[in-house]
Amino acid sequence: MATDARPVVLSTIQRGLLRTGLWRPHLPTRPAALPPIAAGRAAYLHPLALYTLGGQLTNLSRYRGKVVLVNLWASWCPPCLAEMPGLQALYQKTDTAKVAFVLISLDENPSRARALLKRRSYTLPVFFPAAPLPAPFDSPSIPSTVILAPDGQLADRHDGMADYDTPEFRAALEKLADD
C-alpha cells in the first residue's frame, strides 16, 4: 500500500511546482524545424497498432488529417501523473475535430491505468500499445509527448513533465491545425 502512495505524493509535489511556475519547461509554441521522420515518411506510415480501453484494436492512421498529440505515460510515473490534470484541461478546451489526443499507457497491467482514469475522472482517450513502439514514439523516458502535423510529419516533441494547459501551447496546436 505504501508503494502505491509514493507516485501520488511525488506527483502532487511536482504538479505544485508546475502550477507555481517554479518548474517551467519550454514547450513548443510553434512547429519546430525538425528533420522529417524516416526521410520524409509520415508517422502514419509507420505501423502504430493500439488497443483501446475496451480492448479493441485500432491504429494511429485513423487520425490522419488532424494534429495529433501523443503522450506516453504510466500510472506508476510521478511526473506523468503530475502533468495529467493539465492534459485533461487542454483536452476539454481543444476542438477535437482538429486535434486528436492519443495517450498511450505503458503500464504492464492495463487495469492499473483504467483504475487511475476512473479514480481521477479523466476522460482523455487512452490506449495501450499492441506492439513495440516505432520511431518517433519509442522514447527512453516518460512522460514524452510527440506532436504530429495533419500530414503525419513530426511537428515537435517534448520529453519530460510539462503543463500543457497554457494559452500559448493551445494556440500553437490550433495554428498547426489551420496551416
N, C-alpha and C. Protein backbone atom coordinates (compact mmCIF):
# COMPACT_ATOMS: atom_id res chain seq x y z
N MET A 1 0.82 -1.20 0.00
CA MET A 1 0.00 0.00 0.00
C MET A 1 0.86 1.26 0.00
N ALA A 2 1.96 1.25 0.77
CA ALA A 2 2.83 2.42 0.82
C ALA A 2 3.46 2.70 -0.54
N THR A 3 3.76 1.68 -1.31
CA THR A 3 4.36 1.91 -2.62
C THR A 3 3.36 2.53 -3.58
N ASP A 4 2.06 2.29 -3.40
CA ASP A 4 1.04 2.89 -4.26
C ASP A 4 0.90 4.38 -3.97
N ALA A 5 1.18 4.80 -2.74
CA ALA A 5 1.03 6.21 -2.38
C ALA A 5 2.21 7.06 -2.87
N ARG A 6 3.36 6.46 -3.05
CA ARG A 6 4.56 7.22 -3.42
C ARG A 6 4.39 7.99 -4.74
N PRO A 7 3.92 7.37 -5.83
CA PRO A 7 3.74 8.15 -7.06
C PRO A 7 2.73 9.28 -6.90
N VAL A 8 1.69 9.06 -6.11
CA VAL A 8 0.68 10.09 -5.90
C VAL A 8 1.27 11.28 -5.14
N VAL A 9 2.02 11.01 -4.09
CA VAL A 9 2.63 12.07 -3.30
C VAL A 9 3.64 12.85 -4.15
N LEU A 10 4.52 12.13 -4.83
CA LEU A 10 5.52 12.80 -5.68
C LEU A 10 4.86 13.60 -6.80
N SER A 11 3.82 13.05 -7.41
CA SER A 11 3.17 13.77 -8.50
C SER A 11 2.46 15.02 -7.99
N THR A 12 1.93 14.98 -6.77
CA THR A 12 1.29 16.15 -6.19
C THR A 12 2.31 17.27 -5.98
N ILE A 13 3.48 16.91 -5.48
CA ILE A 13 4.55 17.90 -5.30
C ILE A 13 4.98 18.47 -6.65
N GLN A 14 5.16 17.59 -7.64
CA GLN A 14 5.59 18.04 -8.97
C GLN A 14 4.51 18.90 -9.63
N ARG A 15 3.25 18.54 -9.45
CA ARG A 15 2.15 19.34 -10.01
C ARG A 15 2.16 20.74 -9.38
N GLY A 16 2.44 20.80 -8.08
CA GLY A 16 2.55 22.09 -7.41
C GLY A 16 3.66 22.94 -8.00
N LEU A 17 4.79 22.32 -8.31
CA LEU A 17 5.89 23.05 -8.94
C LEU A 17 5.48 23.59 -10.31
N LEU A 18 4.73 22.80 -11.07
CA LEU A 18 4.25 23.27 -12.37
C LEU A 18 3.29 24.45 -12.21
N ARG A 19 2.36 24.33 -11.28
CA ARG A 19 1.35 25.37 -11.09
C ARG A 19 1.94 26.69 -10.60
N THR A 20 2.95 26.62 -9.73
CA THR A 20 3.54 27.84 -9.19
C THR A 20 4.49 28.50 -10.18
N GLY A 21 4.89 27.76 -11.20
CA GLY A 21 5.83 28.31 -12.16
C GLY A 21 7.28 28.09 -11.77
N LEU A 22 7.51 27.44 -10.63
CA LEU A 22 8.89 27.14 -10.23
C LEU A 22 9.53 26.14 -11.19
N TRP A 23 8.72 25.33 -11.80
CA TRP A 23 9.19 24.38 -12.82
C TRP A 23 8.45 24.75 -14.10
N ARG A 24 9.14 25.34 -15.05
CA ARG A 24 8.51 25.80 -16.28
C ARG A 24 9.31 25.30 -17.46
N PRO A 25 9.08 24.05 -17.88
CA PRO A 25 9.81 23.56 -19.05
C PRO A 25 9.38 24.28 -20.31
N HIS A 26 10.29 24.39 -21.24
CA HIS A 26 10.00 25.02 -22.52
C HIS A 26 9.13 24.09 -23.36
N LEU A 27 7.98 24.59 -23.77
CA LEU A 27 7.09 23.84 -24.65
C LEU A 27 7.07 24.50 -26.01
N PRO A 28 6.82 23.73 -27.05
CA PRO A 28 6.74 24.34 -28.38
C PRO A 28 5.55 25.28 -28.47
N THR A 29 5.77 26.47 -29.00
CA THR A 29 4.67 27.39 -29.25
C THR A 29 4.51 27.62 -30.74
N ARG A 30 5.33 26.94 -31.50
CA ARG A 30 5.19 26.91 -32.95
C ARG A 30 5.87 25.62 -33.42
N PRO A 31 5.46 25.10 -34.55
CA PRO A 31 6.10 23.87 -35.03
C PRO A 31 7.60 24.05 -35.19
N ALA A 32 8.34 23.14 -34.64
CA ALA A 32 9.80 23.21 -34.71
C ALA A 32 10.29 22.76 -36.08
N ALA A 33 11.46 23.20 -36.44
CA ALA A 33 12.07 22.79 -37.70
C ALA A 33 12.85 21.50 -37.44
N LEU A 34 12.15 20.42 -37.29
CA LEU A 34 12.78 19.13 -37.04
C LEU A 34 12.90 18.37 -38.34
N PRO A 35 13.88 17.49 -38.43
CA PRO A 35 14.00 16.70 -39.66
C PRO A 35 12.79 15.79 -39.83
N PRO A 36 12.39 15.53 -41.07
CA PRO A 36 11.25 14.67 -41.30
C PRO A 36 11.50 13.27 -40.76
N ILE A 37 10.43 12.60 -40.44
CA ILE A 37 10.52 11.23 -39.94
C ILE A 37 10.95 10.31 -41.06
N ALA A 38 11.95 9.50 -40.80
CA ALA A 38 12.40 8.46 -41.74
C ALA A 38 12.48 8.98 -43.17
N ALA A 39 13.26 10.01 -43.37
CA ALA A 39 13.50 10.58 -44.70
C ALA A 39 12.20 10.93 -45.42
N GLY A 40 11.33 11.67 -44.73
CA GLY A 40 10.14 12.18 -45.38
C GLY A 40 8.89 11.34 -45.21
N ARG A 41 8.99 10.22 -44.54
CA ARG A 41 7.80 9.40 -44.33
C ARG A 41 7.02 9.91 -43.13
N ALA A 42 5.75 10.03 -43.28
CA ALA A 42 4.90 10.48 -42.19
C ALA A 42 4.80 9.40 -41.12
N ALA A 43 4.53 9.84 -39.90
CA ALA A 43 4.39 8.90 -38.79
C ALA A 43 3.25 7.92 -39.05
N TYR A 44 2.24 8.34 -39.79
CA TYR A 44 1.11 7.46 -40.05
C TYR A 44 1.50 6.25 -40.89
N LEU A 45 2.60 6.38 -41.64
CA LEU A 45 3.04 5.26 -42.46
C LEU A 45 3.75 4.20 -41.64
N HIS A 46 4.15 4.58 -40.43
CA HIS A 46 4.75 3.62 -39.52
C HIS A 46 3.61 2.92 -38.78
N PRO A 47 3.63 1.63 -38.71
CA PRO A 47 2.52 0.97 -38.02
C PRO A 47 2.55 1.30 -36.52
N LEU A 48 1.45 1.80 -36.02
CA LEU A 48 1.31 2.04 -34.58
C LEU A 48 -0.03 1.47 -34.17
N ALA A 49 -0.02 0.18 -33.93
CA ALA A 49 -1.24 -0.52 -33.51
C ALA A 49 -1.45 -0.29 -32.02
N LEU A 50 -2.68 0.02 -31.68
CA LEU A 50 -3.04 0.33 -30.30
C LEU A 50 -4.30 -0.42 -29.90
N TYR A 51 -4.43 -0.66 -28.61
CA TYR A 51 -5.68 -1.19 -28.06
C TYR A 51 -6.40 -0.06 -27.34
N THR A 52 -7.69 0.02 -27.51
CA THR A 52 -8.50 0.99 -26.79
C THR A 52 -8.66 0.52 -25.34
N LEU A 53 -9.23 1.36 -24.50
CA LEU A 53 -9.50 0.96 -23.12
C LEU A 53 -10.39 -0.28 -23.07
N GLY A 54 -11.26 -0.42 -24.08
CA GLY A 54 -12.16 -1.57 -24.15
C GLY A 54 -11.54 -2.80 -24.79
N GLY A 55 -10.27 -2.70 -25.20
CA GLY A 55 -9.57 -3.85 -25.76
C GLY A 55 -9.71 -4.03 -27.27
N GLN A 56 -10.27 -3.03 -27.97
CA GLN A 56 -10.41 -3.12 -29.42
C GLN A 56 -9.14 -2.63 -30.09
N LEU A 57 -8.74 -3.30 -31.16
CA LEU A 57 -7.55 -2.93 -31.90
C LEU A 57 -7.84 -1.74 -32.81
N THR A 58 -6.94 -0.76 -32.81
CA THR A 58 -7.07 0.42 -33.67
C THR A 58 -5.68 0.82 -34.13
N ASN A 59 -5.58 1.90 -34.90
CA ASN A 59 -4.30 2.34 -35.43
C ASN A 59 -4.26 3.86 -35.45
N LEU A 60 -3.08 4.41 -35.31
CA LEU A 60 -2.90 5.85 -35.32
C LEU A 60 -3.39 6.47 -36.64
N SER A 61 -3.36 5.72 -37.72
CA SER A 61 -3.75 6.26 -39.03
C SER A 61 -5.20 6.76 -39.05
N ARG A 62 -6.01 6.36 -38.08
CA ARG A 62 -7.40 6.84 -38.05
C ARG A 62 -7.48 8.35 -37.81
N TYR A 63 -6.36 8.95 -37.36
CA TYR A 63 -6.35 10.39 -37.08
C TYR A 63 -5.70 11.21 -38.19
N ARG A 64 -5.46 10.58 -39.33
CA ARG A 64 -4.87 11.29 -40.47
C ARG A 64 -5.72 12.53 -40.77
N GLY A 65 -5.05 13.66 -41.01
CA GLY A 65 -5.75 14.90 -41.30
C GLY A 65 -5.93 15.80 -40.09
N LYS A 66 -5.61 15.29 -38.90
CA LYS A 66 -5.69 16.08 -37.67
C LYS A 66 -4.30 16.28 -37.09
N VAL A 67 -4.15 17.30 -36.27
CA VAL A 67 -2.98 17.39 -35.42
C VAL A 67 -3.17 16.31 -34.36
N VAL A 68 -2.10 15.61 -34.03
CA VAL A 68 -2.21 14.54 -33.04
C VAL A 68 -1.20 14.78 -31.92
N LEU A 69 -1.69 14.85 -30.70
CA LEU A 69 -0.85 14.94 -29.52
C LEU A 69 -0.77 13.53 -28.95
N VAL A 70 0.40 12.93 -29.01
CA VAL A 70 0.62 11.59 -28.48
C VAL A 70 1.44 11.73 -27.21
N ASN A 71 0.89 11.24 -26.10
CA ASN A 71 1.59 11.34 -24.81
C ASN A 71 1.81 9.94 -24.27
N LEU A 72 3.07 9.63 -23.96
CA LEU A 72 3.43 8.34 -23.37
C LEU A 72 3.50 8.53 -21.86
N TRP A 73 2.83 7.65 -21.12
CA TRP A 73 2.75 7.81 -19.67
C TRP A 73 2.53 6.45 -19.02
N ALA A 74 2.56 6.44 -17.68
CA ALA A 74 2.25 5.23 -16.91
C ALA A 74 1.72 5.65 -15.55
N SER A 75 0.90 4.80 -14.96
CA SER A 75 0.28 5.13 -13.67
C SER A 75 1.28 5.15 -12.52
N TRP A 76 2.44 4.52 -12.68
CA TRP A 76 3.46 4.47 -11.63
C TRP A 76 4.48 5.60 -11.76
N CYS A 77 4.31 6.49 -12.72
CA CYS A 77 5.28 7.55 -13.03
C CYS A 77 4.81 8.89 -12.43
N PRO A 78 5.45 9.38 -11.35
CA PRO A 78 5.02 10.63 -10.74
C PRO A 78 4.98 11.83 -11.71
N PRO A 79 6.00 12.06 -12.56
CA PRO A 79 5.89 13.19 -13.49
C PRO A 79 4.71 13.03 -14.47
N CYS A 80 4.41 11.81 -14.85
CA CYS A 80 3.27 11.57 -15.73
C CYS A 80 1.98 11.97 -15.04
N LEU A 81 1.84 11.56 -13.78
CA LEU A 81 0.64 11.89 -13.01
C LEU A 81 0.54 13.39 -12.77
N ALA A 82 1.68 14.05 -12.61
CA ALA A 82 1.68 15.49 -12.38
C ALA A 82 1.17 16.27 -13.58
N GLU A 83 1.44 15.79 -14.80
CA GLU A 83 1.00 16.54 -15.98
C GLU A 83 -0.39 16.14 -16.47
N MET A 84 -0.95 15.07 -15.94
CA MET A 84 -2.27 14.61 -16.40
C MET A 84 -3.39 15.65 -16.21
N PRO A 85 -3.46 16.36 -15.07
CA PRO A 85 -4.53 17.36 -14.96
C PRO A 85 -4.45 18.43 -16.05
N GLY A 86 -3.24 18.85 -16.41
CA GLY A 86 -3.08 19.84 -17.48
C GLY A 86 -3.48 19.28 -18.83
N LEU A 87 -3.14 18.04 -19.10
CA LEU A 87 -3.56 17.40 -20.35
C LEU A 87 -5.08 17.28 -20.41
N GLN A 88 -5.70 16.90 -19.29
CA GLN A 88 -7.16 16.79 -19.25
C GLN A 88 -7.81 18.14 -19.51
N ALA A 89 -7.29 19.20 -18.87
CA ALA A 89 -7.84 20.54 -19.07
C ALA A 89 -7.67 20.98 -20.53
N LEU A 90 -6.50 20.73 -21.10
CA LEU A 90 -6.26 21.07 -22.51
C LEU A 90 -7.22 20.31 -23.42
N TYR A 91 -7.40 19.04 -23.15
CA TYR A 91 -8.32 18.21 -23.94
C TYR A 91 -9.73 18.79 -23.92
N GLN A 92 -10.17 19.24 -22.77
CA GLN A 92 -11.53 19.78 -22.64
C GLN A 92 -11.70 21.12 -23.35
N LYS A 93 -10.61 21.86 -23.56
CA LYS A 93 -10.67 23.18 -24.20
C LYS A 93 -10.36 23.15 -25.69
N THR A 94 -9.98 22.00 -26.21
CA THR A 94 -9.49 21.91 -27.59
C THR A 94 -10.56 21.35 -28.50
N ASP A 95 -10.59 21.86 -29.73
CA ASP A 95 -11.51 21.36 -30.75
C ASP A 95 -11.00 20.01 -31.24
N THR A 96 -11.62 18.94 -30.79
CA THR A 96 -11.15 17.60 -31.14
C THR A 96 -11.51 17.20 -32.57
N ALA A 97 -12.20 18.07 -33.28
CA ALA A 97 -12.40 17.84 -34.71
C ALA A 97 -11.11 18.15 -35.47
N LYS A 98 -10.24 18.97 -34.85
CA LYS A 98 -8.97 19.36 -35.48
C LYS A 98 -7.75 18.75 -34.80
N VAL A 99 -7.87 18.48 -33.51
CA VAL A 99 -6.74 17.99 -32.72
C VAL A 99 -7.15 16.71 -32.00
N ALA A 100 -6.41 15.64 -32.24
CA ALA A 100 -6.67 14.36 -31.57
C ALA A 100 -5.69 14.16 -30.44
N PHE A 101 -6.17 13.60 -29.36
CA PHE A 101 -5.33 13.25 -28.22
C PHE A 101 -5.21 11.74 -28.17
N VAL A 102 -3.99 11.25 -28.10
CA VAL A 102 -3.72 9.82 -28.02
C VAL A 102 -2.75 9.62 -26.86
N LEU A 103 -3.27 9.25 -25.72
CA LEU A 103 -2.44 8.98 -24.56
C LEU A 103 -2.18 7.48 -24.51
N ILE A 104 -0.92 7.13 -24.55
CA ILE A 104 -0.53 5.71 -24.59
C ILE A 104 0.02 5.32 -23.23
N SER A 105 -0.72 4.46 -22.55
CA SER A 105 -0.29 3.97 -21.24
C SER A 105 0.73 2.86 -21.44
N LEU A 106 1.85 2.98 -20.75
CA LEU A 106 2.89 1.96 -20.82
C LEU A 106 2.84 1.03 -19.60
N ASP A 107 1.72 1.06 -18.91
CA ASP A 107 1.53 0.16 -17.78
C ASP A 107 1.52 -1.29 -18.26
N GLU A 108 2.26 -2.15 -17.57
CA GLU A 108 2.25 -3.57 -17.92
C GLU A 108 0.90 -4.19 -17.59
N ASN A 109 0.23 -3.64 -16.60
CA ASN A 109 -1.09 -4.12 -16.21
C ASN A 109 -2.10 -3.02 -16.55
N PRO A 110 -2.83 -3.14 -17.67
CA PRO A 110 -3.77 -2.10 -18.08
C PRO A 110 -4.83 -1.76 -17.04
N SER A 111 -5.14 -2.69 -16.14
CA SER A 111 -6.16 -2.40 -15.14
C SER A 111 -5.71 -1.29 -14.18
N ARG A 112 -4.41 -1.14 -13.98
CA ARG A 112 -3.92 -0.05 -13.13
C ARG A 112 -4.19 1.31 -13.78
N ALA A 113 -3.97 1.39 -15.09
CA ALA A 113 -4.25 2.64 -15.81
C ALA A 113 -5.75 2.92 -15.81
N ARG A 114 -6.55 1.90 -16.06
CA ARG A 114 -8.01 2.08 -16.05
C ARG A 114 -8.49 2.57 -14.69
N ALA A 115 -7.95 1.99 -13.62
CA ALA A 115 -8.35 2.39 -12.27
C ALA A 115 -7.98 3.84 -11.99
N LEU A 116 -6.79 4.26 -12.43
CA LEU A 116 -6.37 5.65 -12.24
C LEU A 116 -7.31 6.60 -12.98
N LEU A 117 -7.62 6.29 -14.22
CA LEU A 117 -8.50 7.14 -15.02
C LEU A 117 -9.87 7.28 -14.35
N LYS A 118 -10.38 6.19 -13.85
CA LYS A 118 -11.70 6.20 -13.20
C LYS A 118 -11.64 6.99 -11.89
N ARG A 119 -10.61 6.74 -11.09
CA ARG A 119 -10.46 7.40 -9.79
C ARG A 119 -10.36 8.91 -9.95
N ARG A 120 -9.66 9.36 -10.98
CA ARG A 120 -9.44 10.80 -11.20
C ARG A 120 -10.47 11.43 -12.15
N SER A 121 -11.39 10.63 -12.65
CA SER A 121 -12.44 11.09 -13.59
C SER A 121 -11.87 11.70 -14.86
N TYR A 122 -10.76 11.13 -15.35
CA TYR A 122 -10.18 11.59 -16.61
C TYR A 122 -10.96 11.01 -17.78
N THR A 123 -11.17 11.85 -18.78
CA THR A 123 -11.92 11.44 -19.97
C THR A 123 -11.05 11.42 -21.22
N LEU A 124 -9.76 11.62 -21.05
CA LEU A 124 -8.82 11.61 -22.18
C LEU A 124 -8.86 10.25 -22.89
N PRO A 125 -8.67 10.23 -24.21
CA PRO A 125 -8.60 8.96 -24.92
C PRO A 125 -7.28 8.25 -24.61
N VAL A 126 -7.36 7.11 -23.96
CA VAL A 126 -6.18 6.36 -23.55
C VAL A 126 -6.14 5.04 -24.30
N PHE A 127 -4.94 4.67 -24.71
CA PHE A 127 -4.71 3.46 -25.47
C PHE A 127 -3.54 2.70 -24.85
N PHE A 128 -3.37 1.47 -25.29
CA PHE A 128 -2.25 0.64 -24.88
C PHE A 128 -1.55 0.15 -26.14
N PRO A 129 -0.22 0.08 -26.15
CA PRO A 129 0.47 -0.38 -27.36
C PRO A 129 0.17 -1.86 -27.62
N ALA A 130 -0.05 -2.17 -28.88
CA ALA A 130 -0.31 -3.56 -29.29
C ALA A 130 0.98 -4.23 -29.75
N ALA A 131 2.04 -3.44 -29.91
CA ALA A 131 3.34 -3.94 -30.37
C ALA A 131 4.39 -2.92 -29.91
N PRO A 132 5.67 -3.24 -30.06
CA PRO A 132 6.70 -2.25 -29.72
C PRO A 132 6.48 -0.94 -30.47
N LEU A 133 6.76 0.16 -29.80
CA LEU A 133 6.53 1.48 -30.39
C LEU A 133 7.61 1.82 -31.41
N PRO A 134 7.21 2.22 -32.62
CA PRO A 134 8.19 2.62 -33.64
C PRO A 134 8.62 4.07 -33.42
N ALA A 135 9.66 4.50 -34.13
CA ALA A 135 10.05 5.91 -34.13
C ALA A 135 8.88 6.70 -34.69
N PRO A 136 8.60 7.85 -34.23
CA PRO A 136 9.27 8.66 -33.22
C PRO A 136 8.70 8.46 -31.81
N PHE A 137 7.98 7.39 -31.59
CA PHE A 137 7.29 7.19 -30.32
C PHE A 137 8.09 6.39 -29.30
N ASP A 138 9.20 5.80 -29.71
CA ASP A 138 10.00 5.00 -28.79
C ASP A 138 10.94 5.91 -28.00
N SER A 139 10.49 6.32 -26.85
CA SER A 139 11.23 7.26 -26.02
C SER A 139 11.95 6.52 -24.90
N PRO A 140 13.16 6.96 -24.55
CA PRO A 140 13.86 6.32 -23.44
C PRO A 140 13.31 6.72 -22.08
N SER A 141 12.45 7.74 -22.06
CA SER A 141 11.90 8.19 -20.78
C SER A 141 10.44 8.61 -20.95
N ILE A 142 9.75 8.66 -19.82
CA ILE A 142 8.38 9.16 -19.81
C ILE A 142 8.26 10.15 -18.66
N PRO A 143 7.34 11.09 -18.77
CA PRO A 143 6.42 11.28 -19.88
C PRO A 143 7.14 11.83 -21.11
N SER A 144 6.56 11.54 -22.23
CA SER A 144 7.09 12.01 -23.50
C SER A 144 5.90 12.36 -24.39
N THR A 145 5.98 13.51 -25.05
CA THR A 145 4.88 13.97 -25.88
C THR A 145 5.38 14.25 -27.29
N VAL A 146 4.69 13.70 -28.25
CA VAL A 146 5.00 13.88 -29.67
C VAL A 146 3.82 14.59 -30.31
N ILE A 147 4.10 15.64 -31.08
CA ILE A 147 3.05 16.37 -31.79
C ILE A 147 3.23 16.08 -33.28
N LEU A 148 2.16 15.58 -33.90
CA LEU A 148 2.17 15.30 -35.34
C LEU A 148 1.31 16.32 -36.06
N ALA A 149 1.82 16.81 -37.18
CA ALA A 149 1.05 17.70 -38.04
C ALA A 149 -0.03 16.90 -38.76
N PRO A 150 -1.01 17.56 -39.35
CA PRO A 150 -2.07 16.82 -40.04
C PRO A 150 -1.57 15.88 -41.15
N ASP A 151 -0.40 16.18 -41.73
CA ASP A 151 0.14 15.29 -42.76
C ASP A 151 0.93 14.14 -42.17
N GLY A 152 0.98 14.06 -40.83
CA GLY A 152 1.67 12.96 -40.18
C GLY A 152 3.13 13.21 -39.87
N GLN A 153 3.64 14.35 -40.30
CA GLN A 153 5.04 14.67 -40.03
C GLN A 153 5.20 15.10 -38.58
N LEU A 154 6.37 14.82 -38.04
CA LEU A 154 6.69 15.23 -36.68
C LEU A 154 6.78 16.75 -36.63
N ALA A 155 5.92 17.38 -35.82
CA ALA A 155 5.95 18.83 -35.68
C ALA A 155 6.82 19.23 -34.50
N ASP A 156 6.76 18.44 -33.43
CA ASP A 156 7.59 18.72 -32.26
C ASP A 156 7.54 17.56 -31.29
N ARG A 157 8.40 17.64 -30.29
CA ARG A 157 8.50 16.58 -29.29
C ARG A 157 8.97 17.22 -27.98
N HIS A 158 8.42 16.74 -26.87
CA HIS A 158 8.87 17.19 -25.56
C HIS A 158 9.00 15.97 -24.66
N ASP A 159 10.20 15.75 -24.13
CA ASP A 159 10.43 14.67 -23.19
C ASP A 159 10.51 15.27 -21.80
N GLY A 160 9.74 14.73 -20.88
CA GLY A 160 9.71 15.23 -19.51
C GLY A 160 8.37 15.85 -19.19
N MET A 161 8.22 16.18 -17.93
CA MET A 161 6.97 16.72 -17.39
C MET A 161 6.76 18.16 -17.86
N ALA A 162 5.49 18.49 -18.12
CA ALA A 162 5.16 19.86 -18.53
C ALA A 162 3.70 20.14 -18.21
N ASP A 163 3.37 21.42 -18.19
CA ASP A 163 1.97 21.84 -18.06
C ASP A 163 1.53 22.27 -19.45
N TYR A 164 0.73 21.44 -20.09
CA TYR A 164 0.30 21.70 -21.47
C TYR A 164 -0.90 22.63 -21.55
N ASP A 165 -1.52 22.91 -20.43
CA ASP A 165 -2.72 23.74 -20.45
C ASP A 165 -2.34 25.21 -20.34
N THR A 166 -1.73 25.72 -21.42
CA THR A 166 -1.39 27.14 -21.48
C THR A 166 -2.00 27.73 -22.75
N PRO A 167 -2.32 29.00 -22.72
CA PRO A 167 -2.86 29.63 -23.94
C PRO A 167 -1.89 29.54 -25.11
N GLU A 168 -0.60 29.65 -24.83
CA GLU A 168 0.40 29.62 -25.91
C GLU A 168 0.45 28.25 -26.57
N PHE A 169 0.43 27.20 -25.78
CA PHE A 169 0.50 25.86 -26.35
C PHE A 169 -0.79 25.53 -27.10
N ARG A 170 -1.92 25.91 -26.53
CA ARG A 170 -3.20 25.68 -27.21
C ARG A 170 -3.23 26.43 -28.55
N ALA A 171 -2.73 27.66 -28.57
CA ALA A 171 -2.67 28.44 -29.81
C ALA A 171 -1.75 27.78 -30.84
N ALA A 172 -0.64 27.21 -30.37
CA ALA A 172 0.28 26.52 -31.28
C ALA A 172 -0.39 25.30 -31.92
N LEU A 173 -1.16 24.55 -31.13
CA LEU A 173 -1.88 23.41 -31.70
C LEU A 173 -2.90 23.86 -32.74
N GLU A 174 -3.65 24.92 -32.40
CA GLU A 174 -4.67 25.43 -33.32
C GLU A 174 -4.05 25.96 -34.61
N LYS A 175 -2.91 26.66 -34.49
CA LYS A 175 -2.24 27.17 -35.68
C LYS A 175 -1.75 26.03 -36.56
N LEU A 176 -1.19 25.01 -35.94
CA LEU A 176 -0.73 23.84 -36.70
C LEU A 176 -1.90 23.16 -37.40
N ALA A 177 -3.04 23.12 -36.76
CA ALA A 177 -4.23 22.51 -37.36
C ALA A 177 -4.76 23.34 -38.54
N ASP A 178 -4.59 24.66 -38.46
CA ASP A 178 -5.12 25.54 -39.51
C ASP A 178 -4.17 25.76 -40.67
N ASP A 179 -2.88 25.40 -40.49
CA ASP A 179 -1.89 25.60 -41.57
C ASP A 179 -2.11 24.64 -42.71
